Amino acid sequence: MEFIKSKSIVELSNPGVVSRQLLSPENSSSKRVTITEVHLEAGACQPRHTHNASEQIWYAVKGKGKLLLENDEEKEFCVGDVARFADNDVHGLKNDGDEEFVYFSVTAPPIDFGYAYKDKK
């Protein structure tokens, strides 16, 4: 059994985006999953990207936004919605609402997301 104290949860950030690494290679011995809580300020964006060897599942818990998909496609993403991205699926998110957008992400197998963020605390 692992128990992760809040003080060992790393926060990664880019302008307008904070990604709390709840369960990650940095604080867990899990070889199967990373769990992240992501906060986007109104107007913030996570650009389109892919993960070549991991799938992700996103669960929206606050706000509304747009999924940024392949071929410049966009899809509404709101509280209660779930999105699953297979390996190599293009995905990103734009918070086009008036309030903070929050979602949880489950990534399998785990990824250390430090490479994608400018700041770490």
PDB file of N, CA and C in Angstrom:
ATOM      1  N   MET A   1       0.847  -1.183   0.000  1.00  0.00           N
ATOM      2  CA  MET A   1       0.000   0.000   0.000  1.00  0.00           C
ATOM      3  C   MET A   1       0.886   1.237   0.000  1.00  0.00           C
ATOM      4  N   GLU A   2       0.497   2.215  -0.781  1.00  0.00           N
ATOM      5  CA  GLU A   2       1.171   3.515  -0.778  1.00  0.00           C
ATOM      6  C   GLU A   2       0.194   4.561  -0.258  1.00  0.00           C
ATOM      7  N   PHE A   3       0.722   5.511   0.470  1.00  0.00           N
ATOM      8  CA  PHE A   3      -0.059   6.655   0.928  1.00  0.00           C
ATOM      9  C   PHE A   3       0.737   7.895   0.544  1.00  0.00           C
ATOM     10  N   ILE A   4       0.121   8.780  -0.206  1.00  0.00           N
ATOM     11  CA  ILE A   4       0.830   9.960  -0.703  1.00  0.00           C
ATOM     12  C   ILE A   4       0.365  11.186   0.069  1.00  0.00           C
ATOM     13  N   LYS A   5       1.270  11.755   0.831  1.00  0.00           N
ATOM     14  CA  LYS A   5       0.975  12.959   1.604  1.00  0.00           C
ATOM     15  C   LYS A   5       0.884  14.153   0.648  1.00  0.00           C
ATOM     16  N   SER A   6       0.037  15.103   1.000  1.00  0.00           N
ATOM     17  CA  SER A   6      -0.162  16.272   0.135  1.00  0.00           C
ATOM     18  C   SER A   6       1.140  17.013  -0.130  1.00  0.00           C
ATOM     19  N   LYS A   7       2.068  17.011   0.828  1.00  0.00           N
ATOM     20  CA  LYS A   7       3.329  17.736   0.627  1.00  0.00           C
ATOM     21  C   LYS A   7       4.210  17.107  -0.448  1.00  0.00           C
ATOM     22  N   SER A   8       3.917  15.867  -0.847  1.00  0.00           N
ATOM     23  CA  SER A   8       4.716  15.237  -1.899  1.00  0.00           C
ATOM     24  C   SER A   8       4.055  15.341  -3.278  1.00  0.00           C
ATOM     25  N   ILE A   9       2.954  16.095  -3.356  1.00  0.00           N
ATOM     26  CA  ILE A   9       2.284  16.314  -4.642  1.00  0.00           C
ATOM     27  C   ILE A   9       2.941  17.516  -5.313  1.00  0.00           C
ATOM     28  N   VAL A  10       3.579  17.254  -6.431  1.00  0.00           N
ATOM     29  CA  VAL A  10       4.294  18.287  -7.179  1.00  0.00           C
ATOM     30  C   VAL A  10       3.306  19.068  -8.038  1.00  0.00           C
ATOM     31  N   GLU A  11       3.494  20.376  -8.112  1.00  0.00           N
ATOM     32  CA  GLU A  11       2.701  21.224  -9.001  1.00  0.00           C
ATOM     33  C   GLU A  11       3.592  21.695 -10.136  1.00  0.00           C
ATOM     34  N   LEU A  12       3.180  21.368 -11.351  1.00  0.00           N
ATOM     35  CA  LEU A  12       3.848  21.832 -12.556  1.00  0.00           C
ATOM     36  C   LEU A  12       3.003  22.956 -13.128  1.00  0.00           C
ATOM     37  N   SER A  13       3.636  23.975 -13.705  1.00  0.00           N
ATOM     38  CA  SER A  13       2.826  25.072 -14.237  1.00  0.00           C
ATOM     39  C   SER A  13       3.426  25.693 -15.489  1.00  0.00           C
ATOM     40  N   ASN A  14       2.526  26.179 -16.298  1.00  0.00           N
ATOM     41  CA  ASN A  14       2.774  27.042 -17.445  1.00  0.00           C
ATOM     42  C   ASN A  14       1.846  28.228 -17.256  1.00  0.00           C
ATOM     43  N   PRO A  15       2.027  29.315 -17.991  1.00  0.00           N
ATOM     44  CA  PRO A  15       1.116  30.456 -17.815  1.00  0.00           C
ATOM     45  C   PRO A  15      -0.352  30.032 -17.924  1.00  0.00           C
ATOM     46  N   GLY A  16      -1.115  30.273 -16.855  1.00  0.00           N
ATOM     47  CA  GLY A  16      -2.548  29.971 -16.844  1.00  0.00           C
ATOM     48  C   GLY A  16      -2.910  28.527 -16.561  1.00  0.00           C
ATOM     49  N   VAL A  17      -1.912  27.650 -16.400  1.00  0.00           N
ATOM     50  CA  VAL A  17      -2.182  26.219 -16.203  1.00  0.00           C
ATOM     51  C   VAL A  17      -1.374  25.699 -15.019  1.00  0.00           C
ATOM     52  N   VAL A  18      -2.062  25.001 -14.093  1.00  0.00           N
ATOM     53  CA  VAL A  18      -1.384  24.311 -12.989  1.00  0.00           C
ATOM     54  C   VAL A  18      -1.790  22.847 -13.049  1.00  0.00           C
ATOM     55  N   SER A  19      -0.790  21.983 -13.030  1.00  0.00           N
ATOM     56  CA  SER A  19      -1.002  20.541 -13.120  1.00  0.00           C
ATOM     57  C   SER A  19      -0.475  19.895 -11.841  1.00  0.00           C
ATOM     58  N   ARG A  20      -1.383  19.428 -10.989  1.00  0.00           N
ATOM     59  CA  ARG A  20      -1.010  18.794  -9.723  1.00  0.00           C
ATOM     60  C   ARG A  20      -0.827  17.293  -9.962  1.00  0.00           C
ATOM     61  N   GLN A  21       0.387  16.810  -9.782  1.00  0.00           N
ATOM     62  CA  GLN A  21       0.734  15.414 -10.046  1.00  0.00           C
ATOM     63  C   GLN A  21       0.375  14.563  -8.830  1.00  0.00           C
ATOM     64  N   LEU A  22      -0.899  14.145  -8.730  1.00  0.00           N
ATOM     65  CA  LEU A  22      -1.392  13.419  -7.564  1.00  0.00           C
ATOM     66  C   LEU A  22      -0.688  12.075  -7.399  1.00  0.00           C
ATOM     67  N   LEU A  23      -0.544  11.357  -8.486  1.00  0.00           N
ATOM     68  CA  LEU A  23       0.159  10.074  -8.496  1.00  0.00           C
ATOM     69  C   LEU A  23       1.034  10.071  -9.735  1.00  0.00           C
ATOM     70  N   SER A  24       2.336  10.067  -9.523  1.00  0.00           N
ATOM     71  CA  SER A  24       3.256  10.198 -10.656  1.00  0.00           C
ATOM     72  C   SER A  24       4.517   9.387 -10.399  1.00  0.00           C
ATOM     73  N   PRO A  25       5.355   9.213 -11.410  1.00  0.00           N
ATOM     74  CA  PRO A  25       6.614   8.502 -11.193  1.00  0.00           C
ATOM     75  C   PRO A  25       7.485   9.152 -10.117  1.00  0.00           C
ATOM     76  N   GLU A  26       7.250  10.437  -9.844  1.00  0.00           N
ATOM     77  CA  GLU A  26       8.045  11.146  -8.854  1.00  0.00           C
ATOM     78  C   GLU A  26       7.646  10.830  -7.410  1.00  0.00           C
ATOM     79  N   ASN A  27       6.363  10.481  -7.176  1.00  0.00           N
ATOM     80  CA  ASN A  27       5.926  10.242  -5.797  1.00  0.00           C
ATOM     81  C   ASN A  27       5.323   8.856  -5.570  1.00  0.00           C
ATOM     82  N   SER A  28       5.401   7.998  -6.587  1.00  0.00           N
ATOM     83  CA  SER A  28       4.781   6.679  -6.484  1.00  0.00           C
ATOM     84  C   SER A  28       5.611   5.626  -7.217  1.00  0.00           C
ATOM     85  N   SER A  29       5.472   4.402  -6.772  1.00  0.00           N
ATOM     86  CA  SER A  29       6.145   3.304  -7.480  1.00  0.00           C
ATOM     87  C   SER A  29       5.224   2.653  -8.505  1.00  0.00           C
ATOM     88  N   SER A  30       4.041   3.247  -8.736  1.00  0.00           N
ATOM     89  CA  SER A  30       3.108   2.691  -9.717  1.00  0.00           C
ATOM     90  C   SER A  30       3.746   2.619 -11.092  1.00  0.00           C
ATOM     91  N   LYS A  31       3.618   1.490 -11.720  1.00  0.00           N
ATOM     92  CA  LYS A  31       4.107   1.287 -13.089  1.00  0.00           C
ATOM     93  C   LYS A  31       2.952   1.320 -14.088  1.00  0.00           C
ATOM     94  N   ARG A  32       1.734   1.605 -13.590  1.00  0.00           N
ATOM     95  CA  ARG A  32       0.560   1.491 -14.448  1.00  0.00           C
ATOM     96  C   ARG A  32      -0.140   2.796 -14.777  1.00  0.00           C
ATOM     97  N   VAL A  33      -0.064   3.809 -13.891  1.00  0.00           N
ATOM     98  CA  VAL A  33      -0.899   4.993 -14.112  1.00  0.00           C
ATOM     99  C   VAL A  33      -0.307   6.240 -13.464  1.00  0.00           C
ATOM    100  N   THR A  34      -0.590   7.381 -14.088  1.00  0.00           N
ATOM    101  CA  THR A  34      -0.364   8.709 -13.529  1.00  0.00           C
ATOM    102  C   THR A  34      -1.746   9.346 -13.364  1.00  0.00           C
ATOM    103  N   ILE A  35      -1.977  10.020 -12.232  1.00  0.00           N
ATOM    104  CA  ILE A  35      -3.237  10.742 -12.018  1.00  0.00           C
ATOM    105  C   ILE A  35      -2.889  12.205 -11.761  1.00  0.00           C
ATOM    106  N   THR A  36      -3.531  13.081 -12.524  1.00  0.00           N
ATOM    107  CA  THR A  36      -3.218  14.504 -12.490  1.00  0.00           C
ATOM    108  C   THR A  36      -4.503  15.316 -12.347  1.00  0.00           C
ATOM    109  N   GLU A  37      -4.439  16.382 -11.538  1.00  0.00           N
ATOM    110  CA  GLU A  37      -5.522  17.360 -11.415  1.00  0.00           C
ATOM    111  C   GLU A  37      -5.047  18.617 -12.130  1.00  0.00           C
ATOM    112  N   VAL A  38      -5.767  19.029 -13.162  1.00  0.00           N
ATOM    113  CA  VAL A  38      -5.320  20.139 -14.000  1.00  0.00           C
ATOM    114  C   VAL A  38      -6.292  21.316 -13.879  1.00  0.00           C
ATOM    115  N   HIS A  39      -5.717  22.515 -13.651  1.00  0.00           N
ATOM    116  CA  HIS A  39      -6.493  23.752 -13.517  1.00  0.00           C
ATOM    117  C   HIS A  39      -6.080  24.710 -14.635  1.00  0.00           C
ATOM    118  N   LEU A  40      -7.060  25.209 -15.393  1.00  0.00           N
ATOM    119  CA  LEU A  40      -6.797  26.210 -16.425  1.00  0.00           C
ATOM    120  C   LEU A  40      -7.581  27.471 -16.104  1.00  0.00           C
ATOM    121  N   GLU A  41      -6.889  28.592 -16.013  1.00  0.00           N
ATOM    122  CA  GLU A  41      -7.561  29.879 -15.840  1.00  0.00           C
ATOM    123  C   GLU A  41      -8.402  30.172 -17.075  1.00  0.00           C
ATOM    124  N   ALA A  42      -9.383  31.050 -16.928  1.00  0.00           N
ATOM    125  CA  ALA A  42     -10.185  31.480 -18.077  1.00  0.00           C
ATOM    126  C   ALA A  42      -9.244  31.995 -19.168  1.00  0.00           C
ATOM    127  N   GLY A  43      -9.431  31.530 -20.381  1.00  0.00           N
ATOM    128  CA  GLY A  43      -8.610  31.945 -21.516  1.00  0.00           C
ATOM    129  C   GLY A  43      -7.337  31.137 -21.711  1.00  0.00           C
ATOM    130  N   ALA A  44      -6.979  30.281 -20.749  1.00  0.00           N
ATOM    131  CA  ALA A  44      -5.743  29.494 -20.862  1.00  0.00           C
ATOM    132  C   ALA A  44      -5.918  28.332 -21.843  1.00  0.00           C
ATOM    133  N   CYS A  45      -4.786  27.838 -22.303  1.00  0.00           N
ATOM    134  CA  CYS A  45      -4.806  26.784 -23.317  1.00  0.00           C
ATOM    135  C   CYS A  45      -3.675  25.791 -23.090  1.00  0.00           C
ATOM    136  N   GLN A  46      -3.984  24.527 -23.307  1.00  0.00           N
ATOM    137  CA  GLN A  46      -2.969  23.481 -23.418  1.00  0.00           C
ATOM    138  C   GLN A  46      -2.931  23.129 -24.906  1.00  0.00           C
ATOM    139  N   PRO A  47      -1.834  23.388 -25.588  1.00  0.00           N
ATOM    140  CA  PRO A  47      -1.790  23.172 -27.028  1.00  0.00           C
ATOM    141  C   PRO A  47      -1.970  21.706 -27.407  1.00  0.00           C
ATOM    142  N   ARG A  48      -2.355  21.507 -28.646  1.00  0.00           N
ATOM    143  CA  ARG A  48      -2.485  20.147 -29.177  1.00  0.00           C
ATOM    144  C   ARG A  48      -1.156  19.407 -29.041  1.00  0.00           C
ATOM    145  N   HIS A  49      -1.252  18.128 -28.681  1.00  0.00           N
ATOM    146  CA  HIS A  49      -0.066  17.289 -28.527  1.00  0.00           C
ATOM    147  C   HIS A  49      -0.496  15.820 -28.595  1.00  0.00           C
ATOM    148  N   THR A  50       0.441  14.918 -28.549  1.00  0.00           N
ATOM    149  CA  THR A  50       0.162  13.481 -28.523  1.00  0.00           C
ATOM    150  C   THR A  50       1.066  12.810 -27.501  1.00  0.00           C
ATOM    151  N   HIS A  51       0.709  11.581 -27.135  1.00  0.00           N
ATOM    152  CA  HIS A  51       1.555  10.715 -26.316  1.00  0.00           C
ATOM    153  C   HIS A  51       1.689   9.411 -27.100  1.00  0.00           C
ATOM    154  N   ASN A  52       2.891   9.095 -27.517  1.00  0.00           N
ATOM    155  CA  ASN A  52       3.042   7.972 -28.440  1.00  0.00           C
ATOM    156  C   ASN A  52       2.919   6.602 -27.793  1.00  0.00           C
ATOM    157  N   ALA A  53       3.008   6.506 -26.467  1.00  0.00           N
ATOM    158  CA  ALA A  53       2.939   5.178 -25.853  1.00  0.00           C
ATOM    159  C   ALA A  53       2.042   5.143 -24.613  1.00  0.00           C
ATOM    160  N   SER A  54       1.140   6.114 -24.485  1.00  0.00           N
ATOM    161  CA  SER A  54       0.209   6.139 -23.344  1.00  0.00           C
ATOM    162  C   SER A  54      -1.154   6.626 -23.802  1.00  0.00           C
ATOM    163  N   GLU A  55      -2.182   6.097 -23.173  1.00  0.00           N
ATOM    164  CA  GLU A  55      -3.518   6.639 -23.383  1.00  0.00           C
ATOM    165  C   GLU A  55      -3.873   7.518 -22.197  1.00  0.00           C
ATOM    166  N   GLN A  56      -4.816   8.446 -22.407  1.00  0.00           N
ATOM    167  CA  GLN A  56      -5.272   9.328 -21.339  1.00  0.00           C
ATOM    168  C   GLN A  56      -6.785   9.347 -21.301  1.00  0.00           C
ATOM    169  N   ILE A  57      -7.298   9.494 -20.075  1.00  0.00           N
ATOM    170  CA  ILE A  57      -8.729   9.686 -19.863  1.00  0.00           C
ATOM    171  C   ILE A  57      -8.877  10.959 -19.058  1.00  0.00           C
ATOM    172  N   TRP A  58      -9.693  11.883 -19.538  1.00  0.00           N
ATOM    173  CA  TRP A  58      -9.938  13.159 -18.865  1.00  0.00           C
ATOM    174  C   TRP A  58     -11.374  13.178 -18.363  1.00  0.00           C
ATOM    175  N   TYR A  59     -11.564  13.670 -17.135  1.00  0.00           N
ATOM    176  CA  TYR A  59     -12.878  13.826 -16.531  1.00  0.00           C
ATOM    177  C   TYR A  59     -13.023  15.277 -16.082  1.00  0.00           C
ATOM    178  N   ALA A  60     -13.966  16.000 -16.674  1.00  0.00           N
ATOM    179  CA  ALA A  60     -14.174  17.421 -16.372  1.00  0.00           C
ATOM    180  C   ALA A  60     -14.987  17.575 -15.087  1.00  0.00           C
ATOM    181  N   VAL A  61     -14.461  18.375 -14.146  1.00  0.00           N
ATOM    182  CA  VAL A  61     -15.148  18.559 -12.862  1.00  0.00           C
ATOM    183  C   VAL A  61     -15.579  20.002 -12.590  1.00  0.00           C
ATOM    184  N   LYS A  62     -15.076  20.970 -13.378  1.00  0.00           N
ATOM    185  CA  LYS A  62     -15.477  22.366 -13.168  1.00  0.00           C
ATOM    186  C   LYS A  62     -15.279  23.156 -14.455  1.00  0.00           C
ATOM    187  N   GLY A  63     -16.273  23.958 -14.807  1.00  0.00           N
ATOM    188  CA  GLY A  63     -16.141  24.861 -15.951  1.00  0.00           C
ATOM    189  C   GLY A  63     -16.542  24.226 -17.267  1.00  0.00           C
ATOM    190  N   LYS A  64     -16.167  24.921 -18.332  1.00  0.00           N
ATOM    191  CA  LYS A  64     -16.419  24.407 -19.681  1.00  0.00           C
ATOM    192  C   LYS A  64     -15.278  24.854 -20.578  1.00  0.00           C
ATOM    193  N   GLY A  65     -15.026  24.068 -21.589  1.00  0.00           N
ATOM    194  CA  GLY A  65     -13.946  24.396 -22.506  1.00  0.00           C
ATOM    195  C   GLY A  65     -14.129  23.677 -23.819  1.00  0.00           C
ATOM    196  N   LYS A  66     -13.057  23.688 -24.599  1.00  0.00           N
ATOM    197  CA  LYS A  66     -13.087  22.998 -25.890  1.00  0.00           C
ATOM    198  C   LYS A  66     -11.891  22.075 -25.991  1.00  0.00           C
ATOM    199  N   LEU A  67     -12.165  20.827 -26.353  1.00  0.00           N
ATOM    200  CA  LEU A  67     -11.092  19.906 -26.676  1.00  0.00           C
ATOM    201  C   LEU A  67     -10.520  20.324 -28.017  1.00  0.00           C
ATOM    202  N   LEU A  68      -9.217  20.341 -28.123  1.00  0.00           N
ATOM    203  CA  LEU A  68      -8.531  20.672 -29.371  1.00  0.00           C
ATOM    204  C   LEU A  68      -8.052  19.356 -29.973  1.00  0.00           C
ATOM    205  N   LEU A  69      -8.636  18.992 -31.104  1.00  0.00           N
ATOM    206  CA  LEU A  69      -8.406  17.680 -31.691  1.00  0.00           C
ATOM    207  C   LEU A  69      -7.684  17.777 -33.033  1.00  0.00           C
ATOM    208  N   GLU A  70      -7.510  16.645 -33.666  1.00  0.00           N
ATOM    209  CA  GLU A  70      -6.812  16.558 -34.948  1.00  0.00           C
ATOM    210  C   GLU A  70      -7.534  17.384 -36.022  1.00  0.00           C
ATOM    211  N   ASN A  71      -6.783  17.852 -37.006  1.00  0.00           N
ATOM    212  CA  ASN A  71      -7.325  18.607 -38.147  1.00  0.00           C
ATOM    213  C   ASN A  71      -8.090  19.860 -37.711  1.00  0.00           C
ATOM    214  N   ASP A  72      -7.609  20.532 -36.666  1.00  0.00           N
ATOM    215  CA  ASP A  72      -8.223  21.761 -36.145  1.00  0.00           C
ATOM    216  C   ASP A  72      -9.652  21.578 -35.651  1.00  0.00           C
ATOM    217  N   GLU A  73     -10.074  20.344 -35.428  1.00  0.00           N
ATOM    218  CA  GLU A  73     -11.411  20.087 -34.882  1.00  0.00           C
ATOM    219  C   GLU A  73     -11.445  20.505 -33.414  1.00  0.00           C
ATOM    220  N   GLU A  74     -12.599  21.010 -32.964  1.00  0.00           N
ATOM    221  CA  GLU A  74     -12.829  21.358 -31.568  1.00  0.00           C
ATOM    222  C   GLU A  74     -14.132  20.714 -31.125  1.00  0.00           C
ATOM    223  N   LYS A  75     -14.195  20.322 -29.855  1.00  0.00           N
ATOM    224  CA  LYS A  75     -15.393  19.687 -29.314  1.00  0.00           C
ATOM    225  C   LYS A  75     -15.642  20.233 -27.909  1.00  0.00           C
ATOM    226  N   GLU A  76     -16.889  20.596 -27.609  1.00  0.00           N
ATOM    227  CA  GLU A  76     -17.245  21.085 -26.275  1.00  0.00           C
ATOM    228  C   GLU A  76     -16.874  20.042 -25.228  1.00  0.00           C
ATOM    229  N   PHE A  77     -16.350  20.505 -24.093  1.00  0.00           N
ATOM    230  CA  PHE A  77     -15.977  19.628 -22.984  1.00  0.00           C
ATOM    231  C   PHE A  77     -16.440  20.305 -21.709  1.00  0.00           C
ATOM    232  N   CYS A  78     -17.421  19.709 -21.021  1.00  0.00           N
ATOM    233  CA  CYS A  78     -18.076  20.353 -19.879  1.00  0.00           C
ATOM    234  C   CYS A  78     -18.111  19.418 -18.675  1.00  0.00           C
ATOM    235  N   VAL A  79     -18.463  19.981 -17.519  1.00  0.00           N
ATOM    236  CA  VAL A  79     -18.555  19.231 -16.269  1.00  0.00           C
ATOM    237  C   VAL A  79     -19.297  17.909 -16.488  1.00  0.00           C
ATOM    238  N   GLY A  80     -18.697  16.832 -16.006  1.00  0.00           N
ATOM    239  CA  GLY A  80     -19.301  15.503 -16.118  1.00  0.00           C
ATOM    240  C   GLY A  80     -18.902  14.740 -17.362  1.00  0.00           C
ATOM    241  N   ASP A  81     -18.330  15.433 -18.357  1.00  0.00           N
ATOM    242  CA  ASP A  81     -17.903  14.757 -19.589  1.00  0.00           C
ATOM    243  C   ASP A  81     -16.613  13.983 -19.356  1.00  0.00           C
ATOM    244  N   VAL A  82     -16.451  12.911 -20.100  1.00  0.00           N
ATOM    245  CA  VAL A  82     -15.239  12.097 -20.074  1.00  0.00           C
ATOM    246  C   VAL A  82     -14.722  11.985 -21.503  1.00  0.00           C
ATOM    247  N   ALA A  83     -13.429  12.179 -21.678  1.00  0.00           N
ATOM    248  CA  ALA A  83     -12.793  12.017 -22.991  1.00  0.00           C
ATOM    249  C   ALA A  83     -11.653  11.005 -22.848  1.00  0.00           C
ATOM    250  N   ARG A  84     -11.558  10.080 -23.799  1.00  0.00           N
ATOM    251  CA  ARG A  84     -10.462   9.110 -23.805  1.00  0.00           C
ATOM    252  C   ARG A  84      -9.654   9.306 -25.077  1.00  0.00           C
ATOM    253  N   PHE A  85      -8.342   9.400 -24.906  1.00  0.00           N
ATOM    254  CA  PHE A  85      -7.420   9.574 -26.028  1.00  0.00           C
ATOM    255  C   PHE A  85      -6.515   8.345 -26.087  1.00  0.00           C
ATOM    256  N   ALA A  86      -6.552   7.642 -27.202  1.00  0.00           N
ATOM    257  CA  ALA A  86      -5.670   6.490 -27.391  1.00  0.00           C
ATOM    258  C   ALA A  86      -4.256   6.980 -27.693  1.00  0.00           C
ATOM    259  N   ASP A  87      -3.285   6.082 -27.664  1.00  0.00           N
ATOM    260  CA  ASP A  87      -1.914   6.416 -28.058  1.00  0.00           C
ATOM    261  C   ASP A  87      -1.954   7.188 -29.377  1.00  0.00           C
ATOM    262  N   ASN A  88      -1.196   8.267 -29.450  1.00  0.00           N
ATOM    263  CA  ASN A  88      -1.042   9.085 -30.660  1.00  0.00           C
ATOM    264  C   ASN A  88      -2.260   9.917 -31.050  1.00  0.00           C
ATOM    265  N   ASP A  89      -3.347   9.895 -30.284  1.00  0.00           N
ATOM    266  CA  ASP A  89      -4.476  10.782 -30.580  1.00  0.00           C
ATOM    267  C   ASP A  89      -4.053  12.226 -30.284  1.00  0.00           C
ATOM    268  N   VAL A  90      -4.351  13.127 -31.194  1.00  0.00           N
ATOM    269  CA  VAL A  90      -4.078  14.546 -30.989  1.00  0.00           C
ATOM    270  C   VAL A  90      -5.104  15.088 -29.999  1.00  0.00           C
ATOM    271  N   HIS A  91      -4.636  15.820 -28.984  1.00  0.00           N
ATOM    272  CA  HIS A  91      -5.545  16.395 -28.001  1.00  0.00           C
ATOM    273  C   HIS A  91      -4.910  17.606 -27.331  1.00  0.00           C
ATOM    274  N   GLY A  92      -5.760  18.501 -26.880  1.00  0.00           N
ATOM    275  CA  GLY A  92      -5.382  19.688 -26.131  1.00  0.00           C
ATOM    276  C   GLY A  92      -6.657  20.270 -25.566  1.00  0.00           C
ATOM    277  N   LEU A  93      -6.556  21.401 -24.892  1.00  0.00           N
ATOM    278  CA  LEU A  93      -7.738  21.990 -24.272  1.00  0.00           C
ATOM    279  C   LEU A  93      -7.621  23.503 -24.229  1.00  0.00           C
ATOM    280  N   LYS A  94      -8.727  24.160 -24.536  1.00  0.00           N
ATOM    281  CA  LYS A  94      -8.819  25.619 -24.436  1.00  0.00           C
ATOM    282  C   LYS A  94      -9.956  25.947 -23.472  1.00  0.00           C
ATOM    283  N   ASN A  95      -9.662  26.735 -22.449  1.00  0.00           N
ATOM    284  CA  ASN A  95     -10.705  27.187 -21.539  1.00  0.00           C
ATOM    285  C   ASN A  95     -11.299  28.458 -22.125  1.00  0.00           C
ATOM    286  N   ASP A  96     -12.419  28.305 -22.791  1.00  0.00           N
ATOM    287  CA  ASP A  96     -13.079  29.466 -23.399  1.00  0.00           C
ATOM    288  C   ASP A  96     -14.233  29.961 -22.532  1.00  0.00           C
ATOM    289  N   GLY A  97     -14.299  29.483 -21.285  1.00  0.00           N
ATOM    290  CA  GLY A  97     -15.335  29.923 -20.355  1.00  0.00           C
ATOM    291  C   GLY A  97     -14.885  31.135 -19.559  1.00  0.00           C
ATOM    292  N   ASP A  98     -15.738  31.560 -18.631  1.00  0.00           N
ATOM    293  CA  ASP A  98     -15.480  32.740 -17.804  1.00  0.00           C
ATOM    294  C   ASP A  98     -14.902  32.388 -16.439  1.00  0.00           C
ATOM    295  N   GLU A  99     -14.753  31.097 -16.153  1.00  0.00           N
ATOM    296  CA  GLU A  99     -14.239  30.669 -14.860  1.00  0.00           C
ATOM    297  C   GLU A  99     -13.156  29.611 -15.052  1.00  0.00           C
ATOM    298  N   GLU A 100     -12.526  29.272 -13.963  1.00  0.00           N
ATOM    299  CA  GLU A 100     -11.497  28.230 -13.995  1.00  0.00           C
ATOM    300  C   GLU A 100     -12.099  26.918 -14.522  1.00  0.00           C
ATOM    301  N   PHE A 101     -11.306  26.190 -15.296  1.00  0.00           N
ATOM    302  CA  PHE A 101     -11.689  24.854 -15.771  1.00  0.00           C
ATOM    303  C   PHE A 101     -10.801  23.857 -15.049  1.00  0.00           C
ATOM    304  N   VAL A 102     -11.401  22.783 -14.508  1.00  0.00           N
ATOM    305  CA  VAL A 102     -10.638  21.755 -13.801  1.00  0.00           C
ATOM    306  C   VAL A 102     -11.021  20.395 -14.348  1.00  0.00           C
ATOM    307  N   TYR A 103     -10.007  19.570 -14.588  1.00  0.00           N
ATOM    308  CA  TYR A 103     -10.258  18.184 -14.972  1.00  0.00           C
ATOM    309  C   TYR A 103      -9.218  17.274 -14.336  1.00  0.00           C
ATOM    310  N   PHE A 104      -9.585  16.001 -14.214  1.00  0.00           N
ATOM    311  CA  PHE A 104      -8.660  14.972 -13.762  1.00  0.00           C
ATOM    312  C   PHE A 104      -8.240  14.156 -14.967  1.00  0.00           C
ATOM    313  N   SER A 105      -6.970  13.783 -14.982  1.00  0.00           N
ATOM    314  CA  SER A 105      -6.407  13.000 -16.076  1.00  0.00           C
ATOM    315  C   SER A 105      -5.796  11.723 -15.511  1.00  0.00           C
ATOM    316  N   VAL A 106      -6.119  10.612 -16.149  1.00  0.00           N
ATOM    317  CA  VAL A 106      -5.503   9.327 -15.830  1.00  0.00           C
ATOM    318  C   VAL A 106      -4.720   8.907 -17.060  1.00  0.00           C
ATOM    319  N   THR A 107      -3.426   8.650 -16.878  1.00  0.00           N
ATOM    320  CA  THR A 107      -2.541   8.303 -17.985  1.00  0.00           C
ATOM    321  C   THR A 107      -1.935   6.931 -17.731  1.00  0.00           C
ATOM    322  N   ALA A 108      -2.033   6.054 -18.730  1.00  0.00           N
ATOM    323  CA  ALA A 108      -1.483   4.708 -18.586  1.00  0.00           C
ATOM    324  C   ALA A 108      -0.795   4.281 -19.877  1.00  0.00           C
ATOM    325  N   PRO A 109       0.417   3.764 -19.790  1.00  0.00           N
ATOM    326  CA  PRO A 109       1.271   3.734 -18.606  1.00  0.00           C
ATOM    327  C   PRO A 109       1.694   5.144 -18.212  1.00  0.00           C
ATOM    328  N   PRO A 110       2.289   5.274 -17.005  1.00  0.00           N
ATOM    329  CA  PRO A 110       2.601   6.594 -16.450  1.00  0.00           C
ATOM    330  C   PRO A 110       3.571   7.403 -17.301  1.00  0.00           C
ATOM    331  N   ILE A 111       3.417   8.707 -17.199  1.00  0.00           N
ATOM    332  CA  ILE A 111       4.330   9.652 -17.846  1.00  0.00           C
ATOM    333  C   ILE A 111       4.789  10.652 -16.792  1.00  0.00           C
ATOM    334  N   ASP A 112       6.061  11.016 -16.833  1.00  0.00           N
ATOM    335  CA  ASP A 112       6.562  12.123 -16.023  1.00  0.00           C
ATOM    336  C   ASP A 112       6.385  13.380 -16.868  1.00  0.00           C
ATOM    337  N   PHE A 113       5.409  14.214 -16.515  1.00  0.00           N
ATOM    338  CA  PHE A 113       5.036  15.365 -17.335  1.00  0.00           C
ATOM    339  C   PHE A 113       5.924  16.593 -17.136  1.00  0.00           C
ATOM    340  N   GLY A 114       6.962  16.490 -16.349  1.00  0.00           N
ATOM    341  CA  GLY A 114       7.844  17.621 -16.099  1.00  0.00           C
ATOM    342  C   GLY A 114       8.390  18.267 -17.357  1.00  0.00           C
ATOM    343  N   TYR A 115       8.576  17.493 -18.407  1.00  0.00           N
ATOM    344  CA  TYR A 115       9.132  18.014 -19.665  1.00  0.00           C
ATOM    345  C   TYR A 115       8.226  19.055 -20.319  1.00  0.00           C
ATOM    346  N   ALA A 116       6.921  19.027 -20.021  1.00  0.00           N
ATOM    347  CA  ALA A 116       5.959  19.874 -20.712  1.00  0.00           C
ATOM    348  C   ALA A 116       5.662  21.181 -19.992  1.00  0.00           C
ATOM    349  N   TYR A 117       6.279  21.396 -18.827  1.00  0.00           N
ATOM    350  CA  TYR A 117       5.967  22.571 -18.021  1.00  0.00           C
ATOM    351  C   TYR A 117       7.230  23.373 -17.714  1.00  0.00           C
ATOM    352  N   LYS A 118       7.047  24.695 -17.558  1.00  0.00           N
ATOM    353  CA  LYS A 118       8.175  25.598 -17.291  1.00  0.00           C
ATOM    354  C   LYS A 118       8.559  25.617 -15.819  1.00  0.00           C
ATOM    355  N   ASP A 119       7.564  25.549 -14.934  1.00  0.00           N
ATOM    356  CA  ASP A 119       7.827  25.703 -13.503  1.00  0.00           C
ATOM    357  C   ASP A 119       7.395  24.469 -12.735  1.00  0.00           C
ATOM    358  N   LYS A 120       8.095  24.230 -11.609  1.00  0.00           N
ATOM    359  CA  LYS A 120       7.811  23.081 -10.768  1.00  0.00           C
ATOM    360  C   LYS A 120       7.958  23.493  -9.305  1.00  0.00           C
ATOM    361  N   LYS A 121       6.917  23.159  -8.477  1.00  0.00           N
ATOM    362  CA  LYS A 121       7.029  23.395  -7.035  1.00  0.00           C
ATOM    363  C   LYS A 121       6.602  22.153  -6.283  1.00  0.00           C
TER     364      LYS A 121
END
